[in-house]
Amino acid sequence: MRPVLVGAQVMQAKTQLRASDAYSAKVFRGTVKQVRHAPSNIQHVATYNVVIRAENRDLRLKLGMTAHITLTVSKKDDVVLIPSAARRAAVRMS
């Protein structure tokens, strides 16, 4: 995928984050505000920094906290998941 396409998809993503140690049971919701277009390339994998605006009314989130973030870019209901290995096996057989 091209970075522009990835950035557009991420900008529309629904975000959940958990402050890993301090509030592991609390889920904070937020929105992606910015995707930085200067990737870090580690072992041939490009990663992009993302700025997320999260709900923090009770001021539990602090600068520098580690968080586990889930970005939901797309969600489909009632779909059949087929492992990639099964698709490759079907191609070899034909």
Protein backbone atom coordinates (compact mmCIF):
# COMPACT_ATOMS: atom_id res chain seq x y z
CA MET A 1 0.00 0.00 0.00
CA ARG A 2 1.08 3.52 -0.61
CA PRO A 3 1.50 5.77 2.47
CA VAL A 4 -1.18 8.19 1.21
CA LEU A 5 -3.77 5.41 1.06
CA VAL A 6 -2.76 4.11 4.47
CA GLY A 7 -2.96 7.63 5.91
CA ALA A 8 -6.45 8.16 4.51
CA GLN A 9 -7.64 4.86 5.97
CA VAL A 10 -6.10 5.57 9.37
CA MET A 11 -7.62 9.07 9.51
CA GLN A 12 -11.08 7.45 9.34
CA ALA A 13 -10.25 4.78 11.92
CA LYS A 14 -12.04 4.35 15.21
CA THR A 15 -9.48 4.32 18.01
CA GLN A 16 -9.35 2.54 21.35
CA LEU A 17 -6.41 2.79 23.67
CA ARG A 18 -5.49 1.28 27.01
CA ALA A 19 -2.87 2.82 29.28
CA SER A 20 -0.96 -0.41 29.75
CA ASP A 21 0.07 -0.49 33.41
CA ALA A 22 -1.89 2.23 35.14
CA TYR A 23 -5.43 1.66 33.83
CA SER A 24 -5.36 -1.63 31.96
CA ALA A 25 -9.11 -2.22 32.44
CA LYS A 26 -10.13 1.28 31.25
CA VAL A 27 -10.68 1.81 27.52
CA PHE A 28 -10.20 5.36 26.28
CA ARG A 29 -11.81 6.30 22.95
CA GLY A 30 -10.35 8.77 20.52
CA THR A 31 -9.91 9.90 16.95
CA VAL A 32 -6.87 10.10 14.70
CA LYS A 33 -5.97 13.76 14.18
CA GLN A 34 -2.76 13.43 12.17
CA VAL A 35 -0.62 10.86 10.40
CA ARG A 36 3.01 11.97 10.19
CA HIS A 37 4.45 11.31 6.74
CA ALA A 38 8.01 10.59 7.84
CA PRO A 39 8.12 6.80 8.27
CA SER A 40 10.60 4.84 10.35
CA ASN A 41 11.84 1.84 8.40
CA ILE A 42 12.89 -1.08 10.61
CA GLN A 43 13.57 -4.49 9.01
CA HIS A 44 11.75 -3.43 5.82
CA VAL A 45 8.59 -2.42 7.71
CA ALA A 46 7.53 1.21 7.51
CA THR A 47 5.88 2.62 10.62
CA TYR A 48 4.21 6.01 10.87
CA ASN A 49 3.68 8.17 13.95
CA VAL A 50 0.04 9.05 14.52
CA VAL A 51 -1.45 11.80 16.69
CA ILE A 52 -4.60 10.65 18.50
CA ARG A 53 -7.01 12.86 20.39
CA ALA A 54 -8.45 10.78 23.25
CA GLU A 55 -11.16 11.40 25.79
CA ASN A 56 -9.44 12.32 29.04
CA ARG A 57 -12.02 14.22 31.11
CA ASP A 58 -10.75 12.82 34.40
CA LEU A 59 -7.10 13.55 33.44
CA ARG A 60 -5.96 9.96 33.92
CA LEU A 61 -3.81 9.95 30.78
CA LYS A 62 -0.45 11.63 31.22
CA LEU A 63 2.31 12.53 28.78
CA GLY A 64 4.80 9.71 28.30
CA MET A 65 2.46 6.89 29.33
CA THR A 66 2.71 3.66 27.36
CA ALA A 67 -0.54 2.63 25.70
CA HIS A 68 -1.79 -0.26 23.60
CA ILE A 69 -3.77 1.17 20.70
CA THR A 70 -6.33 -0.53 18.47
CA LEU A 71 -7.17 1.21 15.19
CA THR A 72 -10.27 -0.19 13.51
CA VAL A 73 -9.96 0.79 9.86
CA SER A 74 -12.78 -1.38 8.53
CA LYS A 75 -15.31 -3.78 9.98
CA LYS A 76 -17.36 -6.37 8.11
CA ASP A 77 -20.19 -8.47 9.51
CA ASP A 78 -21.24 -11.96 8.39
CA VAL A 79 -18.11 -12.80 6.39
CA VAL A 80 -16.31 -16.08 5.87
CA LEU A 81 -12.60 -16.01 6.75
CA ILE A 82 -10.42 -18.24 4.61
CA PRO A 83 -6.80 -18.79 5.63
CA SER A 84 -4.26 -17.65 3.04
CA ALA A 85 -2.73 -21.13 3.03
CA ALA A 86 -6.04 -22.59 1.82
CA ARG A 87 -6.15 -20.14 -1.07
CA ARG A 88 -2.59 -20.98 -2.07
CA ALA A 89 -3.36 -24.72 -1.94
CA ALA A 90 -6.41 -24.23 -4.18
CA VAL A 91 -4.30 -22.40 -6.78
CA ARG A 92 -1.70 -25.20 -6.85
CA MET A 93 -4.38 -27.86 -7.34
CA SER A 94 -5.91 -26.26 -10.42
